[in-house]
Amino acid sequence: MNIYIGNLSPETTEDALKTLFVEYGEVETVKVIKDKFTGKPKGFGFIEMPSNSEADQAIKALNGKRIDGSNIKVNPADPGGKQKPKRPFKRRDY
């Protein structure tokens, strides 16, 4: 299951998140999203856990927990694909 972690402090590292989540089960990947120009963290990230039951336990236990001075938000990640398709551009003939 892919898990979204929001409201991260700029000091929070991927290693710190992995250490936190590994208490609830196996962690496949950890990714803190960073700005591509400055390299500074944007304040959110994602964690992939193979077991849904372990991921649910981690979400319930860690949502709202204070880490590096910030109360983090932990939710199942939105798989995306919910955007309305864009209408194709149509030229008007005057």
PDB file of N, CA and C in Angstrom:
ATOM      1  N   MET A   1       0.846  -1.182   0.000  1.00  0.00           N
ATOM      2  CA  MET A   1       0.000   0.000   0.000  1.00  0.00           C
ATOM      3  C   MET A   1       0.888   1.242   0.000  1.00  0.00           C
ATOM      4  N   ASN A   2       0.498   2.211  -0.781  1.00  0.00           N
ATOM      5  CA  ASN A   2       1.230   3.468  -0.847  1.00  0.00           C
ATOM      6  C   ASN A   2       0.624   4.420   0.182  1.00  0.00           C
ATOM      7  N   ILE A   3       1.466   5.031   1.005  1.00  0.00           N
ATOM      8  CA  ILE A   3       1.024   5.888   2.102  1.00  0.00           C
ATOM      9  C   ILE A   3       1.558   7.296   1.878  1.00  0.00           C
ATOM     10  N   TYR A   4       0.668   8.278   2.049  1.00  0.00           N
ATOM     11  CA  TYR A   4       1.041   9.684   1.950  1.00  0.00           C
ATOM     12  C   TYR A   4       1.372  10.203   3.348  1.00  0.00           C
ATOM     13  N   ILE A   5       2.479  10.937   3.487  1.00  0.00           N
ATOM     14  CA  ILE A   5       2.849  11.584   4.739  1.00  0.00           C
ATOM     15  C   ILE A   5       2.963  13.075   4.448  1.00  0.00           C
ATOM     16  N   GLY A   6       2.136  13.871   5.115  1.00  0.00           N
ATOM     17  CA  GLY A   6       2.126  15.304   4.887  1.00  0.00           C
ATOM     18  C   GLY A   6       2.520  16.083   6.123  1.00  0.00           C
ATOM     19  N   ASN A   7       2.716  17.372   5.943  1.00  0.00           N
ATOM     20  CA  ASN A   7       3.098  18.299   7.007  1.00  0.00           C
ATOM     21  C   ASN A   7       4.449  17.925   7.631  1.00  0.00           C
ATOM     22  N   LEU A   8       5.368  17.488   6.792  1.00  0.00           N
ATOM     23  CA  LEU A   8       6.701  17.121   7.278  1.00  0.00           C
ATOM     24  C   LEU A   8       7.538  18.368   7.517  1.00  0.00           C
ATOM     25  N   SER A   9       8.342  18.303   8.550  1.00  0.00           N
ATOM     26  CA  SER A   9       9.300  19.363   8.837  1.00  0.00           C
ATOM     27  C   SER A   9      10.425  19.294   7.800  1.00  0.00           C
ATOM     28  N   PRO A  10      11.045  20.408   7.448  1.00  0.00           N
ATOM     29  CA  PRO A  10      12.171  20.372   6.509  1.00  0.00           C
ATOM     30  C   PRO A  10      13.350  19.528   7.012  1.00  0.00           C
ATOM     31  N   GLU A  11      13.439  19.319   8.334  1.00  0.00           N
ATOM     32  CA  GLU A  11      14.535  18.530   8.897  1.00  0.00           C
ATOM     33  C   GLU A  11      14.286  17.028   8.822  1.00  0.00           C
ATOM     34  N   THR A  12      13.061  16.600   8.531  1.00  0.00           N
ATOM     35  CA  THR A  12      12.735  15.174   8.511  1.00  0.00           C
ATOM     36  C   THR A  12      13.379  14.509   7.303  1.00  0.00           C
ATOM     37  N   THR A  13      14.111  13.420   7.541  1.00  0.00           N
ATOM     38  CA  THR A  13      14.815  12.716   6.472  1.00  0.00           C
ATOM     39  C   THR A  13      14.088  11.415   6.119  1.00  0.00           C
ATOM     40  N   GLU A  14      14.477  10.846   4.981  1.00  0.00           N
ATOM     41  CA  GLU A  14      13.913   9.562   4.559  1.00  0.00           C
ATOM     42  C   GLU A  14      14.281   8.468   5.554  1.00  0.00           C
ATOM     43  N   ASP A  15      15.502   8.507   6.087  1.00  0.00           N
ATOM     44  CA  ASP A  15      15.927   7.502   7.066  1.00  0.00           C
ATOM     45  C   ASP A  15      15.091   7.575   8.337  1.00  0.00           C
ATOM     46  N   ALA A  16      14.773   8.789   8.786  1.00  0.00           N
ATOM     47  CA  ALA A  16      13.961   8.949   9.990  1.00  0.00           C
ATOM     48  C   ALA A  16      12.558   8.390   9.774  1.00  0.00           C
ATOM     49  N   LEU A  17      11.991   8.625   8.595  1.00  0.00           N
ATOM     50  CA  LEU A  17      10.663   8.092   8.293  1.00  0.00           C
ATOM     51  C   LEU A  17      10.678   6.571   8.223  1.00  0.00           C
ATOM     52  N   LYS A  18      11.717   6.031   7.597  1.00  0.00           N
ATOM     53  CA  LYS A  18      11.809   4.569   7.501  1.00  0.00           C
ATOM     54  C   LYS A  18      11.907   3.954   8.894  1.00  0.00           C
ATOM     55  N   THR A  19      12.728   4.536   9.765  1.00  0.00           N
ATOM     56  CA  THR A  19      12.871   4.037  11.134  1.00  0.00           C
ATOM     57  C   THR A  19      11.531   4.081  11.857  1.00  0.00           C
ATOM     58  N   LEU A  20      10.765   5.109  11.623  1.00  0.00           N
ATOM     59  CA  LEU A  20       9.471   5.268  12.272  1.00  0.00           C
ATOM     60  C   LEU A  20       8.467   4.214  11.794  1.00  0.00           C
ATOM     61  N   PHE A  21       8.410   3.982  10.485  1.00  0.00           N
ATOM     62  CA  PHE A  21       7.421   3.072   9.917  1.00  0.00           C
ATOM     63  C   PHE A  21       7.812   1.606  10.023  1.00  0.00           C
ATOM     64  N   VAL A  22       9.102   1.300  10.118  1.00  0.00           N
ATOM     65  CA  VAL A  22       9.545  -0.093  10.168  1.00  0.00           C
ATOM     66  C   VAL A  22       9.084  -0.781  11.464  1.00  0.00           C
ATOM     67  N   GLU A  23       8.708   0.004  12.468  1.00  0.00           N
ATOM     68  CA  GLU A  23       8.176  -0.565  13.702  1.00  0.00           C
ATOM     69  C   GLU A  23       6.849  -1.271  13.462  1.00  0.00           C
ATOM     70  N   TYR A  24       6.149  -0.932  12.380  1.00  0.00           N
ATOM     71  CA  TYR A  24       4.828  -1.492  12.093  1.00  0.00           C
ATOM     72  C   TYR A  24       4.860  -2.548  10.999  1.00  0.00           C
ATOM     73  N   GLY A  25       6.000  -2.748  10.365  1.00  0.00           N
ATOM     74  CA  GLY A  25       6.112  -3.767   9.331  1.00  0.00           C
ATOM     75  C   GLY A  25       7.187  -3.419   8.319  1.00  0.00           C
ATOM     76  N   GLU A  26       7.235  -4.217   7.266  1.00  0.00           N
ATOM     77  CA  GLU A  26       8.248  -4.058   6.224  1.00  0.00           C
ATOM     78  C   GLU A  26       7.974  -2.802   5.400  1.00  0.00           C
ATOM     79  N   VAL A  27       9.022  -2.059   5.115  1.00  0.00           N
ATOM     80  CA  VAL A  27       8.940  -0.845   4.297  1.00  0.00           C
ATOM     81  C   VAL A  27       9.740  -1.086   3.027  1.00  0.00           C
ATOM     82  N   GLU A  28       9.077  -0.949   1.876  1.00  0.00           N
ATOM     83  CA  GLU A  28       9.770  -1.148   0.594  1.00  0.00           C
ATOM     84  C   GLU A  28      10.511   0.104   0.152  1.00  0.00           C
ATOM     85  N   THR A  29       9.801   1.228   0.097  1.00  0.00           N
ATOM     86  CA  THR A  29      10.421   2.468  -0.365  1.00  0.00           C
ATOM     87  C   THR A  29       9.982   3.651   0.489  1.00  0.00           C
ATOM     88  N   VAL A  30      10.856   4.639   0.568  1.00  0.00           N
ATOM     89  CA  VAL A  30      10.572   5.901   1.259  1.00  0.00           C
ATOM     90  C   VAL A  30      11.026   7.021   0.326  1.00  0.00           C
ATOM     91  N   LYS A  31      10.148   8.003   0.115  1.00  0.00           N
ATOM     92  CA  LYS A  31      10.497   9.112  -0.773  1.00  0.00           C
ATOM     93  C   LYS A  31       9.971  10.415  -0.195  1.00  0.00           C
ATOM     94  N   VAL A  32      10.880  11.315   0.152  1.00  0.00           N
ATOM     95  CA  VAL A  32      10.507  12.675   0.556  1.00  0.00           C
ATOM     96  C   VAL A  32      10.621  13.533  -0.704  1.00  0.00           C
ATOM     97  N   ILE A  33       9.536  14.193  -1.059  1.00  0.00           N
ATOM     98  CA  ILE A  33       9.497  14.978  -2.292  1.00  0.00           C
ATOM     99  C   ILE A  33      10.238  16.300  -2.080  1.00  0.00           C
ATOM    100  N   LYS A  34      11.122  16.616  -3.043  1.00  0.00           N
ATOM    101  CA  LYS A  34      11.939  17.830  -2.959  1.00  0.00           C
ATOM    102  C   LYS A  34      11.723  18.698  -4.182  1.00  0.00           C
ATOM    103  N   ASP A  35      11.921  19.995  -4.000  1.00  0.00           N
ATOM    104  CA  ASP A  35      11.827  20.944  -5.095  1.00  0.00           C
ATOM    105  C   ASP A  35      12.968  20.670  -6.074  1.00  0.00           C
ATOM    106  N   LYS A  36      12.638  20.601  -7.362  1.00  0.00           N
ATOM    107  CA  LYS A  36      13.677  20.239  -8.330  1.00  0.00           C
ATOM    108  C   LYS A  36      14.709  21.332  -8.560  1.00  0.00           C
ATOM    109  N   PHE A  37      14.384  22.574  -8.220  1.00  0.00           N
ATOM    110  CA  PHE A  37      15.337  23.662  -8.433  1.00  0.00           C
ATOM    111  C   PHE A  37      16.196  23.932  -7.201  1.00  0.00           C
ATOM    112  N   THR A  38      15.581  23.954  -6.027  1.00  0.00           N
ATOM    113  CA  THR A  38      16.331  24.278  -4.809  1.00  0.00           C
ATOM    114  C   THR A  38      16.828  23.045  -4.066  1.00  0.00           C
ATOM    115  N   GLY A  39      16.174  21.899  -4.281  1.00  0.00           N
ATOM    116  CA  GLY A  39      16.559  20.679  -3.565  1.00  0.00           C
ATOM    117  C   GLY A  39      16.010  20.621  -2.147  1.00  0.00           C
ATOM    118  N   LYS A  40      15.207  21.615  -1.757  1.00  0.00           N
ATOM    119  CA  LYS A  40      14.636  21.632  -0.411  1.00  0.00           C
ATOM    120  C   LYS A  40      13.372  20.778  -0.372  1.00  0.00           C
ATOM    121  N   PRO A  41      13.125  20.102   0.750  1.00  0.00           N
ATOM    122  CA  PRO A  41      11.909  19.286   0.864  1.00  0.00           C
ATOM    123  C   PRO A  41      10.648  20.141   0.755  1.00  0.00           C
ATOM    124  N   LYS A  42       9.615  19.574   0.118  1.00  0.00           N
ATOM    125  CA  LYS A  42       8.353  20.287  -0.065  1.00  0.00           C
ATOM    126  C   LYS A  42       7.390  20.076   1.094  1.00  0.00           C
ATOM    127  N   GLY A  43       7.715  19.189   2.023  1.00  0.00           N
ATOM    128  CA  GLY A  43       6.858  19.004   3.191  1.00  0.00           C
ATOM    129  C   GLY A  43       5.955  17.787   3.136  1.00  0.00           C
ATOM    130  N   PHE A  44       6.185  16.929   2.132  1.00  0.00           N
ATOM    131  CA  PHE A  44       5.410  15.695   2.081  1.00  0.00           C
ATOM    132  C   PHE A  44       6.228  14.594   1.432  1.00  0.00           C
ATOM    133  N   GLY A  45       5.736  13.372   1.580  1.00  0.00           N
ATOM    134  CA  GLY A  45       6.443  12.237   1.008  1.00  0.00           C
ATOM    135  C   GLY A  45       5.533  11.021   0.919  1.00  0.00           C
ATOM    136  N   PHE A  46       6.115   9.906   0.482  1.00  0.00           N
ATOM    137  CA  PHE A  46       5.365   8.669   0.303  1.00  0.00           C
ATOM    138  C   PHE A  46       6.172   7.495   0.832  1.00  0.00           C
ATOM    139  N   ILE A  47       5.453   6.521   1.361  1.00  0.00           N
ATOM    140  CA  ILE A  47       6.062   5.280   1.834  1.00  0.00           C
ATOM    141  C   ILE A  47       5.275   4.128   1.245  1.00  0.00           C
ATOM    142  N   GLU A  48       5.974   3.126   0.766  1.00  0.00           N
ATOM    143  CA  GLU A  48       5.345   1.937   0.206  1.00  0.00           C
ATOM    144  C   GLU A  48       5.555   0.778   1.177  1.00  0.00           C
ATOM    145  N   MET A  49       4.438   0.171   1.614  1.00  0.00           N
ATOM    146  CA  MET A  49       4.489  -1.006   2.486  1.00  0.00           C
ATOM    147  C   MET A  49       3.739  -2.133   1.783  1.00  0.00           C
ATOM    148  N   PRO A  50       4.348  -3.325   1.669  1.00  0.00           N
ATOM    149  CA  PRO A  50       3.704  -4.408   0.919  1.00  0.00           C
ATOM    150  C   PRO A  50       2.451  -4.972   1.593  1.00  0.00           C
ATOM    151  N   SER A  51       2.391  -4.960   2.913  1.00  0.00           N
ATOM    152  CA  SER A  51       1.251  -5.527   3.627  1.00  0.00           C
ATOM    153  C   SER A  51       0.230  -4.443   3.960  1.00  0.00           C
ATOM    154  N   ASN A  52      -1.003  -4.630   3.474  1.00  0.00           N
ATOM    155  CA  ASN A  52      -2.052  -3.645   3.744  1.00  0.00           C
ATOM    156  C   ASN A  52      -2.403  -3.565   5.218  1.00  0.00           C
ATOM    157  N   SER A  53      -2.383  -4.694   5.917  1.00  0.00           N
ATOM    158  CA  SER A  53      -2.734  -4.681   7.343  1.00  0.00           C
ATOM    159  C   SER A  53      -1.675  -3.936   8.158  1.00  0.00           C
ATOM    160  N   GLU A  54      -0.408  -4.133   7.833  1.00  0.00           N
ATOM    161  CA  GLU A  54       0.664  -3.403   8.520  1.00  0.00           C
ATOM    162  C   GLU A  54       0.580  -1.917   8.195  1.00  0.00           C
ATOM    163  N   ALA A  55       0.266  -1.592   6.949  1.00  0.00           N
ATOM    164  CA  ALA A  55       0.142  -0.185   6.543  1.00  0.00           C
ATOM    165  C   ALA A  55      -1.012   0.478   7.288  1.00  0.00           C
ATOM    166  N   ASP A  56      -2.131  -0.223   7.432  1.00  0.00           N
ATOM    167  CA  ASP A  56      -3.273   0.339   8.167  1.00  0.00           C
ATOM    168  C   ASP A  56      -2.918   0.603   9.626  1.00  0.00           C
ATOM    169  N   GLN A  57      -2.169  -0.312  10.231  1.00  0.00           N
ATOM    170  CA  GLN A  57      -1.730  -0.115  11.618  1.00  0.00           C
ATOM    171  C   GLN A  57      -0.840   1.123  11.724  1.00  0.00           C
ATOM    172  N   ALA A  58       0.080   1.272  10.791  1.00  0.00           N
ATOM    173  CA  ALA A  58       0.992   2.429  10.798  1.00  0.00           C
ATOM    174  C   ALA A  58       0.219   3.730  10.623  1.00  0.00           C
ATOM    175  N   ILE A  59      -0.768   3.736   9.726  1.00  0.00           N
ATOM    176  CA  ILE A  59      -1.564   4.938   9.480  1.00  0.00           C
ATOM    177  C   ILE A  59      -2.306   5.339  10.751  1.00  0.00           C
ATOM    178  N   LYS A  60      -2.961   4.373  11.389  1.00  0.00           N
ATOM    179  CA  LYS A  60      -3.727   4.669  12.604  1.00  0.00           C
ATOM    180  C   LYS A  60      -2.826   5.146  13.739  1.00  0.00           C
ATOM    181  N   ALA A  61      -1.652   4.544  13.864  1.00  0.00           N
ATOM    182  CA  ALA A  61      -0.765   4.875  14.976  1.00  0.00           C
ATOM    183  C   ALA A  61      -0.020   6.196  14.770  1.00  0.00           C
ATOM    184  N   LEU A  62       0.319   6.527  13.539  1.00  0.00           N
ATOM    185  CA  LEU A  62       1.203   7.670  13.297  1.00  0.00           C
ATOM    186  C   LEU A  62       0.500   8.942  12.839  1.00  0.00           C
ATOM    187  N   ASN A  63      -0.762   8.868  12.442  1.00  0.00           N
ATOM    188  CA  ASN A  63      -1.470  10.071  12.007  1.00  0.00           C
ATOM    189  C   ASN A  63      -1.596  11.038  13.185  1.00  0.00           C
ATOM    190  N   GLY A  64      -1.083  12.248  13.009  1.00  0.00           N
ATOM    191  CA  GLY A  64      -1.128  13.267  14.050  1.00  0.00           C
ATOM    192  C   GLY A  64       0.053  13.237  15.004  1.00  0.00           C
ATOM    193  N   LYS A  65       0.977  12.293  14.822  1.00  0.00           N
ATOM    194  CA  LYS A  65       2.136  12.200  15.707  1.00  0.00           C
ATOM    195  C   LYS A  65       3.093  13.362  15.444  1.00  0.00           C
ATOM    196  N   ARG A  66       3.721  13.863  16.499  1.00  0.00           N
ATOM    197  CA  ARG A  66       4.661  14.985  16.397  1.00  0.00           C
ATOM    198  C   ARG A  66       6.064  14.459  16.078  1.00  0.00           C
ATOM    199  N   ILE A  67       6.592  14.931  14.943  1.00  0.00           N
ATOM    200  CA  ILE A  67       7.933  14.529  14.505  1.00  0.00           C
ATOM    201  C   ILE A  67       8.686  15.763  14.063  1.00  0.00           C
ATOM    202  N   ASP A  68       9.857  15.981  14.622  1.00  0.00           N
ATOM    203  CA  ASP A  68      10.703  17.136  14.299  1.00  0.00           C
ATOM    204  C   ASP A  68       9.935  18.455  14.393  1.00  0.00           C
ATOM    205  N   GLY A  69       9.032  18.548  15.367  1.00  0.00           N
ATOM    206  CA  GLY A  69       8.305  19.784  15.605  1.00  0.00           C
ATOM    207  C   GLY A  69       7.032  19.962  14.802  1.00  0.00           C
ATOM    208  N   SER A  70       6.644  18.973  13.993  1.00  0.00           N
ATOM    209  CA  SER A  70       5.424  19.076  13.196  1.00  0.00           C
ATOM    210  C   SER A  70       4.530  17.859  13.435  1.00  0.00           C
ATOM    211  N   ASN A  71       3.214  18.091  13.507  1.00  0.00           N
ATOM    212  CA  ASN A  71       2.266  16.986  13.592  1.00  0.00           C
ATOM    213  C   ASN A  71       2.022  16.479  12.175  1.00  0.00           C
ATOM    214  N   ILE A  72       2.482  15.263  11.893  1.00  0.00           N
ATOM    215  CA  ILE A  72       2.378  14.734  10.535  1.00  0.00           C
ATOM    216  C   ILE A  72       0.975  14.220  10.253  1.00  0.00           C
ATOM    217  N   LYS A  73       0.620  14.212   8.979  1.00  0.00           N
ATOM    218  CA  LYS A  73      -0.642  13.650   8.503  1.00  0.00           C
ATOM    219  C   LYS A  73      -0.301  12.395   7.713  1.00  0.00           C
ATOM    220  N   VAL A  74      -0.915  11.285   8.084  1.00  0.00           N
ATOM    221  CA  VAL A  74      -0.632  10.011   7.429  1.00  0.00           C
ATOM    222  C   VAL A  74      -1.944   9.440   6.909  1.00  0.00           C
ATOM    223  N   ASN A  75      -2.010   9.221   5.597  1.00  0.00           N
ATOM    224  CA  ASN A  75      -3.214   8.705   4.942  1.00  0.00           C
ATOM    225  C   ASN A  75      -2.815   7.746   3.822  1.00  0.00           C
ATOM    226  N   PRO A  76      -3.750   6.881   3.405  1.00  0.00           N
ATOM    227  CA  PRO A  76      -3.477   6.118   2.179  1.00  0.00           C
ATOM    228  C   PRO A  76      -3.333   7.098   1.015  1.00  0.00           C
ATOM    229  N   ALA A  77      -2.379   6.846   0.149  1.00  0.00           N
ATOM    230  CA  ALA A  77      -2.136   7.758  -0.976  1.00  0.00           C
ATOM    231  C   ALA A  77      -3.231   7.608  -2.012  1.00  0.00           C
ATOM    232  N   ASP A  78      -3.631   8.740  -2.592  1.00  0.00           N
ATOM    233  CA  ASP A  78      -4.615   8.747  -3.666  1.00  0.00           C
ATOM    234  C   ASP A  78      -3.948   8.195  -4.921  1.00  0.00           C
ATOM    235  N   PRO A  79      -4.525   7.166  -5.535  1.00  0.00           N
ATOM    236  CA  PRO A  79      -3.880   6.590  -6.719  1.00  0.00           C
ATOM    237  C   PRO A  79      -3.881   7.519  -7.928  1.00  0.00           C
ATOM    238  N   GLY A  80      -4.634   8.595  -7.865  1.00  0.00           N
ATOM    239  CA  GLY A  80      -4.659   9.539  -8.981  1.00  0.00           C
ATOM    240  C   GLY A  80      -5.639   9.095 -10.058  1.00  0.00           C
ATOM    241  N   GLY A  81      -5.602   9.782 -11.168  1.00  0.00           N
ATOM    242  CA  GLY A  81      -6.470   9.426 -12.274  1.00  0.00           C
ATOM    243  C   GLY A  81      -7.891   9.935 -12.123  1.00  0.00           C
ATOM    244  N   LYS A  82      -8.165  10.826 -11.175  1.00  0.00           N
ATOM    245  CA  LYS A  82      -9.518  11.314 -10.968  1.00  0.00           C
ATOM    246  C   LYS A  82      -9.787  12.630 -11.689  1.00  0.00           C
ATOM    247  N   GLN A  83      -8.822  13.149 -12.394  1.00  0.00           N
ATOM    248  CA  GLN A  83      -8.997  14.422 -13.069  1.00  0.00           C
ATOM    249  C   GLN A  83      -9.901  14.257 -14.281  1.00  0.00           C
ATOM    250  N   LYS A  84     -10.682  15.307 -14.556  1.00  0.00           N
ATOM    251  CA  LYS A  84     -11.517  15.284 -15.748  1.00  0.00           C
ATOM    252  C   LYS A  84     -10.610  15.392 -16.969  1.00  0.00           C
ATOM    253  N   PRO A  85     -10.927  14.662 -18.006  1.00  0.00           N
ATOM    254  CA  PRO A  85     -10.114  14.822 -19.221  1.00  0.00           C
ATOM    255  C   PRO A  85     -10.327  16.203 -19.811  1.00  0.00           C
ATOM    256  N   LYS A  86      -9.263  16.764 -20.347  1.00  0.00           N
ATOM    257  CA  LYS A  86      -9.339  18.091 -20.939  1.00  0.00           C
ATOM    258  C   LYS A  86      -9.997  18.009 -22.307  1.00  0.00           C
ATOM    259  N   ARG A  87     -10.798  19.041 -22.592  1.00  0.00           N
ATOM    260  CA  ARG A  87     -11.419  19.095 -23.912  1.00  0.00           C
ATOM    261  C   ARG A  87     -10.367  19.509 -24.930  1.00  0.00           C
ATOM    262  N   PRO A  88     -10.400  18.919 -26.077  1.00  0.00           N
ATOM    263  CA  PRO A  88      -9.433  19.337 -27.094  1.00  0.00           C
ATOM    264  C   PRO A  88      -9.725  20.765 -27.552  1.00  0.00           C
ATOM    265  N   PHE A  89      -8.677  21.460 -27.902  1.00  0.00           N
ATOM    266  CA  PHE A  89      -8.810  22.829 -28.367  1.00  0.00           C
ATOM    267  C   PHE A  89      -9.491  22.843 -29.720  1.00  0.00           C
ATOM    268  N   LYS A  90     -10.530  23.667 -29.836  1.00  0.00           N
ATOM    269  CA  LYS A  90     -11.229  23.772 -31.119  1.00  0.00           C
ATOM    270  C   LYS A  90     -11.089  25.194 -31.640  1.00  0.00           C
ATOM    271  N   ARG A  91     -10.700  25.291 -32.878  1.00  0.00           N
ATOM    272  CA  ARG A  91     -10.588  26.595 -33.516  1.00  0.00           C
ATOM    273  C   ARG A  91     -11.934  27.053 -33.994  1.00  0.00           C
ATOM    274  N   ARG A  92     -12.151  28.331 -33.823  1.00  0.00           N
ATOM    275  CA  ARG A  92     -13.395  28.889 -34.331  1.00  0.00           C
ATOM    276  C   ARG A  92     -13.164  29.470 -35.715  1.00  0.00           C
ATOM    277  N   ASP A  93     -14.100  29.226 -36.553  1.00  0.00           N
ATOM    278  CA  ASP A  93     -14.033  29.818 -37.904  1.00  0.00           C
ATOM    279  C   ASP A  93     -14.913  31.048 -37.944  1.00  0.00           C
ATOM    280  N   TYR A  94     -14.314  32.203 -38.168  1.00  0.00           N
ATOM    281  CA  TYR A  94     -15.062  33.442 -38.242  1.00  0.00           C
ATOM    282  C   TYR A  94     -15.217  33.873 -39.651  1.00  0.00           C
TER     283      TYR A  94
END
